[in-house]
Protein backbone atom coordinates (compact mmCIF):
# COMPACT_ATOMS: atom_id res chain seq x y z
CA MET A 1 -63.46 -25.94 1.28
CA PHE A 2 -62.65 -22.67 3.01
CA SER A 3 -61.94 -19.49 1.06
CA VAL A 4 -59.86 -17.28 3.34
CA VAL A 5 -59.78 -13.63 2.33
CA ILE A 6 -57.12 -11.16 3.49
CA PRO A 7 -57.67 -7.61 2.23
CA THR A 8 -54.44 -5.64 2.46
CA ARG A 9 -53.32 -2.07 1.94
CA ASN A 10 -49.66 -1.03 2.29
CA ARG A 11 -48.79 -3.17 5.33
CA PRO A 12 -45.76 -5.18 4.17
CA ALA A 13 -44.45 -5.53 7.72
CA TYR A 14 -47.57 -7.32 8.97
CA LEU A 15 -48.92 -9.23 5.97
CA PRO A 16 -46.37 -12.11 5.81
CA GLU A 17 -47.17 -13.27 9.34
CA ALA A 18 -50.90 -13.13 8.67
CA VAL A 19 -50.42 -15.20 5.51
CA ALA A 20 -48.22 -17.74 7.31
CA SER A 21 -50.83 -18.21 10.04
CA VAL A 22 -53.44 -19.13 7.41
CA LEU A 23 -51.18 -21.53 5.54
CA ALA A 24 -50.39 -23.24 8.88
CA GLN A 25 -54.02 -24.32 9.37
CA ARG A 26 -54.37 -28.08 9.97
CA ASP A 27 -57.02 -30.60 8.96
CA SER A 28 -58.81 -28.28 6.55
CA GLU A 29 -58.85 -27.64 2.82
CA LEU A 30 -58.40 -23.98 1.95
CA GLU A 31 -57.60 -21.38 -0.64
CA LEU A 32 -56.13 -18.04 0.39
CA ILE A 33 -57.16 -14.94 -1.55
CA ILE A 34 -55.12 -11.79 -0.97
CA VAL A 35 -56.97 -8.70 -2.15
CA ASN A 36 -54.41 -5.97 -2.79
CA ASP A 37 -55.98 -2.55 -2.19
CA GLY A 38 -52.60 -0.84 -1.93
CA ASP A 39 -50.35 1.23 -4.14
CA GLY A 40 -48.01 -1.39 -5.51
CA PRO A 41 -47.22 -5.11 -5.83
CA ILE A 42 -46.86 -7.31 -2.76
CA GLN A 43 -44.33 -10.06 -2.10
CA LEU A 44 -45.79 -13.39 -0.98
CA PRO A 45 -44.57 -16.99 -0.65
CA GLY A 46 -45.08 -19.40 -3.50
CA ASP A 47 -47.92 -21.67 -2.45
CA PRO A 48 -50.51 -23.24 -4.77
CA ARG A 49 -53.27 -22.39 -2.30
CA LEU A 50 -52.55 -18.66 -2.55
CA ARG A 51 -53.57 -16.13 -5.18
CA VAL A 52 -53.65 -12.35 -5.40
CA ILE A 53 -56.33 -10.17 -6.94
CA GLU A 54 -56.05 -6.42 -7.42
CA ASN A 55 -58.68 -4.04 -6.07
CA GLY A 56 -57.34 -0.80 -7.57
CA ALA A 57 -57.40 1.08 -4.24
CA ARG A 58 -61.21 1.10 -4.26
CA GLY A 59 -61.38 0.71 -0.48
CA ALA A 60 -61.61 -1.93 2.25
CA VAL A 61 -65.25 -2.96 1.85
CA PRO A 62 -65.07 -3.26 -1.96
CA ALA A 63 -61.91 -5.34 -1.40
CA ARG A 64 -63.84 -7.75 0.81
CA ASN A 65 -66.66 -7.99 -1.72
CA ALA A 66 -64.09 -8.67 -4.43
CA GLY A 67 -62.60 -11.46 -2.33
CA VAL A 68 -66.00 -13.08 -1.80
CA THR A 69 -66.77 -12.83 -5.52
CA ALA A 70 -63.48 -14.55 -6.35
CA ALA A 71 -63.96 -17.30 -3.75
CA SER A 72 -64.58 -20.87 -4.87
CA GLY A 73 -64.99 -22.47 -1.43
CA ASP A 74 -68.15 -23.38 0.45
CA VAL A 75 -67.16 -21.26 3.45
CA ILE A 76 -65.77 -17.72 3.72
CA ALA A 77 -63.29 -16.75 6.44
CA PHE A 78 -61.61 -13.39 6.92
CA LEU A 79 -58.31 -12.33 8.44
CA ASP A 80 -57.23 -8.70 8.64
CA ASP A 81 -53.72 -8.13 7.30
CA ASP A 82 -52.39 -6.99 10.69
CA ASP A 83 -53.90 -9.87 12.69
CA VAL A 84 -52.64 -13.45 13.15
CA TRP A 85 -54.49 -16.71 13.64
CA ILE A 86 -53.08 -18.42 16.73
CA ASP A 87 -55.17 -21.60 16.63
CA GLU A 88 -54.01 -24.03 13.96
CA HIS A 89 -57.40 -25.77 14.17
CA HIS A 90 -59.51 -22.63 13.76
CA LEU A 91 -60.97 -23.75 10.42
CA ALA A 92 -61.30 -27.38 11.51
CA SER A 93 -63.26 -26.30 14.61
CA ALA A 94 -65.54 -24.18 12.43
CA ALA A 95 -66.06 -27.13 10.08
CA ALA A 96 -67.27 -29.23 13.00
CA GLU A 97 -69.85 -26.55 13.83
CA PHE A 98 -71.03 -26.45 10.21
CA SER A 99 -71.45 -30.22 10.29
CA ALA A 100 -73.59 -29.74 13.41
CA GLY A 101 -75.88 -27.28 11.61
CA ALA A 102 -74.33 -23.83 12.02
CA ASP A 103 -74.26 -21.34 9.16
CA PHE A 104 -71.97 -18.81 10.86
CA THR A 105 -69.24 -19.28 13.46
CA PHE A 106 -67.16 -16.84 15.47
CA GLY A 107 -64.30 -17.42 17.88
CA ASN A 108 -62.55 -15.50 20.64
CA GLY A 109 -59.48 -13.32 20.34
CA ILE A 110 -56.66 -11.85 22.35
CA MET A 111 -55.57 -8.22 22.31
CA ARG A 112 -52.08 -7.09 23.30
CA PHE A 113 -52.06 -3.48 24.41
CA PRO A 114 -48.79 -1.49 24.39
CA GLY A 115 -47.24 -1.38 27.84
CA GLU A 116 -49.31 -4.28 29.21
CA ALA A 117 -47.56 -7.55 30.03
CA ALA A 118 -50.62 -9.79 29.73
CA PRO A 119 -53.03 -9.89 26.80
CA ARG A 120 -56.73 -9.18 27.24
CA ILE A 121 -59.27 -11.79 26.14
CA PHE A 122 -62.18 -10.95 23.84
CA ASP A 123 -64.85 -13.53 24.68
CA HIS A 124 -68.45 -12.51 23.93
CA GLY A 125 -71.53 -14.22 22.61
CA ALA A 126 -73.88 -12.78 19.99
CA SER A 127 -77.48 -13.14 18.86
CA ALA A 128 -79.98 -11.16 16.82
CA GLU A 129 -81.05 -9.45 20.03
CA THR A 130 -77.59 -8.52 21.34
CA LEU A 131 -76.34 -7.46 17.91
CA ALA A 132 -79.07 -4.83 17.86
CA GLN A 133 -77.13 -3.12 20.66
CA ASP A 134 -73.44 -3.99 20.30
CA ASN A 135 -70.99 -5.54 17.87
CA THR A 136 -69.34 -8.33 19.84
CA ILE A 137 -67.90 -10.33 16.93
CA LEU A 138 -64.34 -10.08 15.59
CA ILE A 139 -64.19 -10.25 11.80
CA SER A 140 -60.84 -12.06 11.94
CA ALA A 141 -62.50 -14.88 13.92
CA VAL A 142 -65.51 -15.36 11.61
CA CYS A 143 -66.39 -18.19 9.22
CA TYR A 144 -69.71 -18.53 7.38
CA ARG A 145 -71.36 -20.34 4.52
CA ARG A 146 -70.81 -18.52 1.22
CA SER A 147 -74.43 -19.25 0.30
CA LEU A 148 -75.50 -16.55 2.79
CA HIS A 149 -74.46 -13.96 0.19
CA GLU A 150 -76.87 -15.52 -2.29
CA ARG A 151 -79.69 -14.90 0.22
CA LEU A 152 -78.58 -11.58 1.69
CA GLY A 153 -76.43 -9.87 -0.91
CA ALA A 154 -72.98 -8.32 -0.67
CA PHE A 155 -71.42 -6.24 2.11
CA ASP A 156 -72.87 -2.73 2.27
CA GLU A 157 -70.22 -0.43 0.79
CA ALA A 158 -72.12 2.60 2.10
CA LEU A 159 -71.05 1.57 5.62
CA PRO A 160 -67.23 1.72 5.53
CA PHE A 161 -66.90 1.56 9.33
CA TYR A 162 -69.82 -0.70 10.22
CA TRP A 163 -70.20 -3.03 7.22
CA ASP A 164 -69.22 -5.98 9.44
CA TRP A 165 -71.80 -5.24 12.14
CA ASP A 166 -74.38 -4.73 9.40
CA TRP A 167 -73.50 -8.14 7.97
CA TYR A 168 -73.72 -9.93 11.33
CA LEU A 169 -77.11 -8.40 12.05
CA ARG A 170 -78.43 -9.25 8.60
CA VAL A 171 -77.28 -12.85 9.03
CA ALA A 172 -78.72 -13.19 12.53
CA ARG A 173 -82.06 -11.59 11.67
CA ALA A 174 -82.37 -13.92 8.67
CA GLY A 175 -82.44 -16.83 11.13
CA ALA A 176 -79.06 -18.31 10.22
CA PRO A 177 -77.77 -20.44 13.13
CA LEU A 178 -74.78 -18.80 14.84
CA ALA A 179 -72.17 -20.80 16.77
CA HIS A 180 -69.73 -19.29 19.25
CA VAL A 181 -66.49 -21.31 19.26
CA ARG A 182 -65.01 -20.67 22.71
CA ARG A 183 -61.36 -20.80 21.59
CA ASN A 184 -58.81 -18.01 21.26
CA VAL A 185 -58.33 -18.12 17.52
CA VAL A 186 -56.86 -14.72 16.63
CA ASP A 187 -54.31 -12.25 17.95
CA ILE A 188 -55.65 -8.75 17.31
CA ARG A 189 -52.69 -6.42 17.00
CA ILE A 190 -53.13 -3.05 18.71
CA HIS A 191 -50.80 -0.57 17.00
CA ALA A 192 -50.57 3.06 15.96
CA GLN A 193 -52.28 2.62 12.59
CA ASN A 194 -55.44 0.93 13.81
CA MET A 195 -55.62 3.08 16.94
CA SER A 196 -55.48 6.23 14.79
CA GLY A 197 -58.57 5.05 12.91
CA MET A 198 -60.48 4.90 16.19
CA GLY A 199 -60.09 8.66 16.57
CA ASN A 200 -62.12 9.52 13.48
CA PHE A 201 -65.13 10.23 15.69
CA GLU A 202 -67.29 12.38 13.43
CA ALA A 203 -67.11 10.06 10.44
CA ARG A 204 -67.61 6.98 12.59
CA GLN A 205 -70.60 8.50 14.39
CA ALA A 206 -72.20 9.48 11.09
CA ASN A 207 -71.69 5.95 9.77
CA LEU A 208 -73.04 4.46 13.01
CA ASP A 209 -76.13 6.65 12.72
CA ALA A 210 -76.63 5.47 9.13
CA PHE A 211 -76.30 1.84 10.24
CA ALA A 212 -78.78 2.36 13.08
CA ALA A 213 -81.27 4.06 10.77
CA LYS A 214 -80.98 1.22 8.24
CA HIS A 215 -81.97 -1.33 10.89
CA GLY A 216 -84.34 0.80 12.97
CA LEU A 217 -82.15 0.63 16.06
CA GLY A 218 -82.46 4.17 17.42
CA ARG A 219 -79.45 5.98 18.86
CA LEU A 220 -76.40 3.75 19.44
CA VAL A 221 -73.37 4.50 21.59
CA LEU A 222 -70.09 4.76 19.69
CA LYS A 223 -67.71 2.00 20.84
CA ASN A 224 -64.63 0.06 19.73
CA HIS A 225 -63.88 -3.62 20.17
CA THR A 226 -61.25 -2.56 22.69
CA ASP A 227 -64.05 -1.28 24.92
CA PHE A 228 -65.22 -4.87 25.47
CA VAL A 229 -62.01 -6.26 26.99
């Protein structure tokens, strides 16, 4: 069973569509855990597969750790609250890769930039070697065996910007088989809120330096996922 985790913080305009895209998944058994890191209650549809846990505004990475702790499925999948799954067989495709021996899967995404008629495609591979240079995996297109946390621990809450890259590199360096599912599975929304976060250069660079020091990577160039499309 898949445990899908959506951490959310004060985005009532986006969250319902994200939730609907998870509940529309076909040919897969799932539970959906909404981790509320916001200021007040959230309104969600009544569905027995869905439950809400409160994170007390402790932050995005603690919210993700809380979601993993609450999960009862064999596989963890994430969806950001402002993104939407566009492939109804995303989880089923990942399940096929797990049956073939993968421990971690990642799909492609599309990005719709304001003022551009056509979306851009995010389609990149990843390995232990490439992840030592760049983060080419979208968290909203990731599925992995929950047992990896038993081997590798929780997400690093000291890396609020690069916890995901840290996790991918830890997984890859541990020898877990990665599988790239060459399907467009997620629509990454480009909007004012997430673009504003990209401008926090000093804090992001400091966090990137801490990530690089943790893994012995030397000096890394500050980039966004939008730089890869």
